Amino acid sequence: MSDESGGSAFSEGYVIPIAGLLSFAFALMAGLTAQRALSGDPADVAVPVGFAAVAVIALRLRIKAIAARSGDDGDASRK
C-alpha cells in the first residue's frame, strides 16, 4: 500500500478524512444516546461518555495528522 518512498502513512492523506469522519460519527452517536442516559439509569451515562471519548481521540489523531502533513510540506519547501 506504499509506494516505497519512505514516507509515513500520514503523508498519503488517508488518515485525515477517515479520522474526521470517525470523530463526527462518534460525536453523533454520543448525542443520540445522551437523552436516554440523562433520563435513565446512572450506568447508562457510560455509553455517551465512551462515544464522546472516542470522538475526541479521533479528533486528536486528525489534528496530529494535519500537523505531520504540514510539517512535511514545510521541510520540502526549505530544501
N, C-alpha and C. Protein backbone atom coordinates (compact mmCIF):
# COMPACT_ATOMS: atom_id res chain seq x y z
N MET A 1 0.82 -1.18 0.00
CA MET A 1 0.00 0.00 0.00
C MET A 1 0.86 1.25 0.00
N SER A 2 2.13 1.05 0.00
CA SER A 2 3.06 2.17 -0.01
C SER A 2 3.78 2.20 -1.35
N ASP A 3 4.17 3.36 -1.76
CA ASP A 3 4.94 3.48 -3.00
C ASP A 3 6.44 3.37 -2.74
N GLU A 4 6.80 2.92 -1.55
CA GLU A 4 8.17 2.71 -1.12
C GLU A 4 9.02 3.98 -1.21
N SER A 5 8.39 5.13 -0.97
CA SER A 5 9.12 6.38 -0.98
C SER A 5 9.72 6.69 0.39
N GLY A 6 9.42 5.85 1.38
CA GLY A 6 9.96 6.07 2.71
C GLY A 6 9.11 7.01 3.55
N GLY A 7 7.97 7.43 3.04
CA GLY A 7 7.11 8.35 3.78
C GLY A 7 6.22 7.61 4.76
N SER A 8 5.64 8.35 5.67
CA SER A 8 4.74 7.74 6.64
C SER A 8 3.33 7.67 6.08
N ALA A 9 2.46 6.97 6.79
CA ALA A 9 1.07 6.85 6.35
C ALA A 9 0.35 8.20 6.42
N PHE A 10 0.81 9.09 7.29
CA PHE A 10 0.18 10.40 7.38
C PHE A 10 0.36 11.21 6.11
N SER A 11 1.46 11.03 5.41
CA SER A 11 1.71 11.83 4.22
C SER A 11 0.86 11.39 3.04
N GLU A 12 0.27 10.19 3.09
CA GLU A 12 -0.55 9.72 1.98
C GLU A 12 -1.93 10.36 1.98
N GLY A 13 -2.36 10.92 3.07
CA GLY A 13 -3.61 11.64 3.10
C GLY A 13 -4.84 10.83 3.41
N TYR A 14 -4.71 9.58 3.79
CA TYR A 14 -5.88 8.76 4.12
C TYR A 14 -6.35 8.98 5.54
N VAL A 15 -5.46 9.32 6.43
CA VAL A 15 -5.78 9.39 7.86
C VAL A 15 -6.67 10.59 8.16
N ILE A 16 -6.42 11.71 7.55
CA ILE A 16 -7.13 12.94 7.89
C ILE A 16 -8.64 12.84 7.62
N PRO A 17 -9.08 12.44 6.41
CA PRO A 17 -10.53 12.36 6.22
C PRO A 17 -11.19 11.23 7.00
N ILE A 18 -10.50 10.10 7.15
CA ILE A 18 -11.09 8.98 7.89
C ILE A 18 -11.23 9.34 9.36
N ALA A 19 -10.22 9.97 9.95
CA ALA A 19 -10.29 10.36 11.36
C ALA A 19 -11.38 11.42 11.56
N GLY A 20 -11.55 12.31 10.60
CA GLY A 20 -12.61 13.30 10.69
C GLY A 20 -13.99 12.67 10.66
N LEU A 21 -14.17 11.70 9.76
CA LEU A 21 -15.46 11.01 9.69
C LEU A 21 -15.73 10.19 10.95
N LEU A 22 -14.70 9.53 11.48
CA LEU A 22 -14.88 8.77 12.72
C LEU A 22 -15.24 9.70 13.88
N SER A 23 -14.56 10.83 13.95
CA SER A 23 -14.85 11.79 15.01
C SER A 23 -16.30 12.27 14.92
N PHE A 24 -16.73 12.60 13.71
CA PHE A 24 -18.11 13.04 13.52
C PHE A 24 -19.11 11.95 13.88
N ALA A 25 -18.84 10.73 13.44
CA ALA A 25 -19.76 9.62 13.70
C ALA A 25 -19.89 9.33 15.20
N PHE A 26 -18.78 9.31 15.91
CA PHE A 26 -18.86 9.04 17.34
C PHE A 26 -19.48 10.20 18.11
N ALA A 27 -19.24 11.43 17.67
CA ALA A 27 -19.90 12.57 18.32
C ALA A 27 -21.41 12.51 18.08
N LEU A 28 -21.81 12.10 16.89
CA LEU A 28 -23.23 11.95 16.58
C LEU A 28 -23.86 10.86 17.44
N MET A 29 -23.16 9.73 17.58
CA MET A 29 -23.70 8.65 18.42
C MET A 29 -23.77 9.08 19.89
N ALA A 30 -22.81 9.87 20.34
CA ALA A 30 -22.86 10.37 21.72
C ALA A 30 -24.07 11.27 21.91
N GLY A 31 -24.34 12.11 20.94
CA GLY A 31 -25.51 12.99 21.03
C GLY A 31 -26.82 12.23 20.99
N LEU A 32 -26.88 11.18 20.17
CA LEU A 32 -28.11 10.41 20.06
C LEU A 32 -28.40 9.58 21.31
N THR A 33 -27.39 9.20 22.03
CA THR A 33 -27.60 8.38 23.23
C THR A 33 -27.66 9.22 24.51
N ALA A 34 -27.46 10.52 24.41
CA ALA A 34 -27.42 11.37 25.61
C ALA A 34 -28.77 11.46 26.30
N GLN A 35 -29.85 11.55 25.53
CA GLN A 35 -31.18 11.68 26.14
C GLN A 35 -31.52 10.44 26.97
N ARG A 36 -31.23 9.27 26.44
CA ARG A 36 -31.52 8.04 27.19
C ARG A 36 -30.67 7.98 28.45
N ALA A 37 -29.43 8.45 28.36
CA ALA A 37 -28.53 8.40 29.53
C ALA A 37 -28.98 9.37 30.61
N LEU A 38 -29.48 10.53 30.21
CA LEU A 38 -29.89 11.53 31.20
C LEU A 38 -31.22 11.17 31.86
N SER A 39 -32.07 10.42 31.17
CA SER A 39 -33.37 10.09 31.74
C SER A 39 -33.43 8.69 32.32
N GLY A 40 -32.37 7.93 32.18
CA GLY A 40 -32.40 6.54 32.64
C GLY A 40 -31.50 6.29 33.82
N ASP A 41 -31.02 5.09 33.89
CA ASP A 41 -30.14 4.62 34.95
C ASP A 41 -28.79 5.35 34.89
N PRO A 42 -28.20 5.67 36.03
CA PRO A 42 -26.90 6.34 36.01
C PRO A 42 -25.80 5.54 35.28
N ALA A 43 -25.95 4.23 35.21
CA ALA A 43 -24.97 3.42 34.49
C ALA A 43 -25.04 3.65 32.98
N ASP A 44 -26.17 4.17 32.48
CA ASP A 44 -26.32 4.44 31.05
C ASP A 44 -25.48 5.63 30.59
N VAL A 45 -24.95 6.38 31.51
CA VAL A 45 -24.12 7.54 31.16
C VAL A 45 -22.81 7.10 30.52
N ALA A 46 -22.39 5.88 30.78
CA ALA A 46 -21.11 5.39 30.26
C ALA A 46 -21.11 5.32 28.73
N VAL A 47 -22.23 5.05 28.12
CA VAL A 47 -22.29 4.91 26.66
C VAL A 47 -21.98 6.23 25.96
N PRO A 48 -22.71 7.33 26.23
CA PRO A 48 -22.36 8.58 25.54
C PRO A 48 -20.99 9.12 25.94
N VAL A 49 -20.58 8.89 27.17
CA VAL A 49 -19.25 9.35 27.58
C VAL A 49 -18.18 8.58 26.81
N GLY A 50 -18.39 7.29 26.62
CA GLY A 50 -17.45 6.49 25.82
C GLY A 50 -17.40 6.94 24.37
N PHE A 51 -18.56 7.19 23.79
CA PHE A 51 -18.61 7.69 22.42
C PHE A 51 -17.91 9.05 22.30
N ALA A 52 -18.14 9.92 23.27
CA ALA A 52 -17.50 11.23 23.25
C ALA A 52 -15.99 11.11 23.39
N ALA A 53 -15.53 10.19 24.22
CA ALA A 53 -14.09 9.99 24.39
C ALA A 53 -13.45 9.50 23.09
N VAL A 54 -14.11 8.57 22.41
CA VAL A 54 -13.57 8.08 21.14
C VAL A 54 -13.58 9.19 20.09
N ALA A 55 -14.61 10.05 20.11
CA ALA A 55 -14.66 11.17 19.17
C ALA A 55 -13.49 12.13 19.41
N VAL A 56 -13.18 12.39 20.66
CA VAL A 56 -12.06 13.29 20.98
C VAL A 56 -10.74 12.65 20.57
N ILE A 57 -10.59 11.35 20.78
CA ILE A 57 -9.35 10.66 20.38
C ILE A 57 -9.19 10.71 18.86
N ALA A 58 -10.27 10.48 18.11
CA ALA A 58 -10.19 10.54 16.66
C ALA A 58 -9.88 11.96 16.19
N LEU A 59 -10.43 12.95 16.86
CA LEU A 59 -10.13 14.34 16.50
C LEU A 59 -8.67 14.68 16.77
N ARG A 60 -8.14 14.21 17.90
CA ARG A 60 -6.72 14.43 18.20
C ARG A 60 -5.81 13.76 17.17
N LEU A 61 -6.20 12.56 16.72
CA LEU A 61 -5.44 11.86 15.69
C LEU A 61 -5.45 12.65 14.39
N ARG A 62 -6.60 13.23 14.07
CA ARG A 62 -6.72 14.04 12.86
C ARG A 62 -5.84 15.29 12.96
N ILE A 63 -5.84 15.93 14.12
CA ILE A 63 -5.02 17.12 14.31
C ILE A 63 -3.53 16.79 14.20
N LYS A 64 -3.13 15.64 14.78
CA LYS A 64 -1.73 15.23 14.67
C LYS A 64 -1.36 14.91 13.23
N ALA A 65 -2.28 14.32 12.48
CA ALA A 65 -2.01 14.00 11.08
C ALA A 65 -1.87 15.28 10.26
N ILE A 66 -2.69 16.27 10.53
CA ILE A 66 -2.59 17.54 9.82
C ILE A 66 -1.26 18.22 10.16
N ALA A 67 -0.87 18.18 11.42
CA ALA A 67 0.41 18.78 11.82
C ALA A 67 1.59 18.05 11.16
N ALA A 68 1.51 16.73 11.09
CA ALA A 68 2.59 15.97 10.45
C ALA A 68 2.64 16.27 8.96
N ARG A 69 1.48 16.43 8.35
CA ARG A 69 1.45 16.73 6.92
C ARG A 69 1.99 18.12 6.64
N SER A 70 1.61 19.10 7.45
CA SER A 70 2.11 20.46 7.23
C SER A 70 3.60 20.55 7.59
N GLY A 71 4.05 19.75 8.52
CA GLY A 71 5.47 19.70 8.86
C GLY A 71 6.29 19.14 7.72
N ASP A 72 5.76 18.13 7.03
CA ASP A 72 6.44 17.57 5.86
C ASP A 72 6.48 18.57 4.72
N ASP A 73 5.38 19.31 4.52
CA ASP A 73 5.33 20.30 3.47
C ASP A 73 6.31 21.44 3.74
N GLY A 74 6.44 21.83 4.99
CA GLY A 74 7.36 22.90 5.35
C GLY A 74 8.81 22.50 5.14
N ASP A 75 9.15 21.24 5.44
CA ASP A 75 10.52 20.77 5.23
C ASP A 75 10.85 20.69 3.75
N ALA A 76 9.88 20.33 2.93
CA ALA A 76 10.13 20.20 1.49
C ALA A 76 10.37 21.57 0.86
N SER A 77 9.71 22.61 1.37
CA SER A 77 9.91 23.93 0.80
C SER A 77 11.22 24.57 1.24
N ARG A 78 11.80 24.08 2.31
CA ARG A 78 13.06 24.63 2.79
C ARG A 78 14.26 24.09 2.03
N LYS A 79 14.11 22.93 1.39
CA LYS A 79 15.25 22.30 0.69
C LYS A 79 15.60 23.00 -0.58
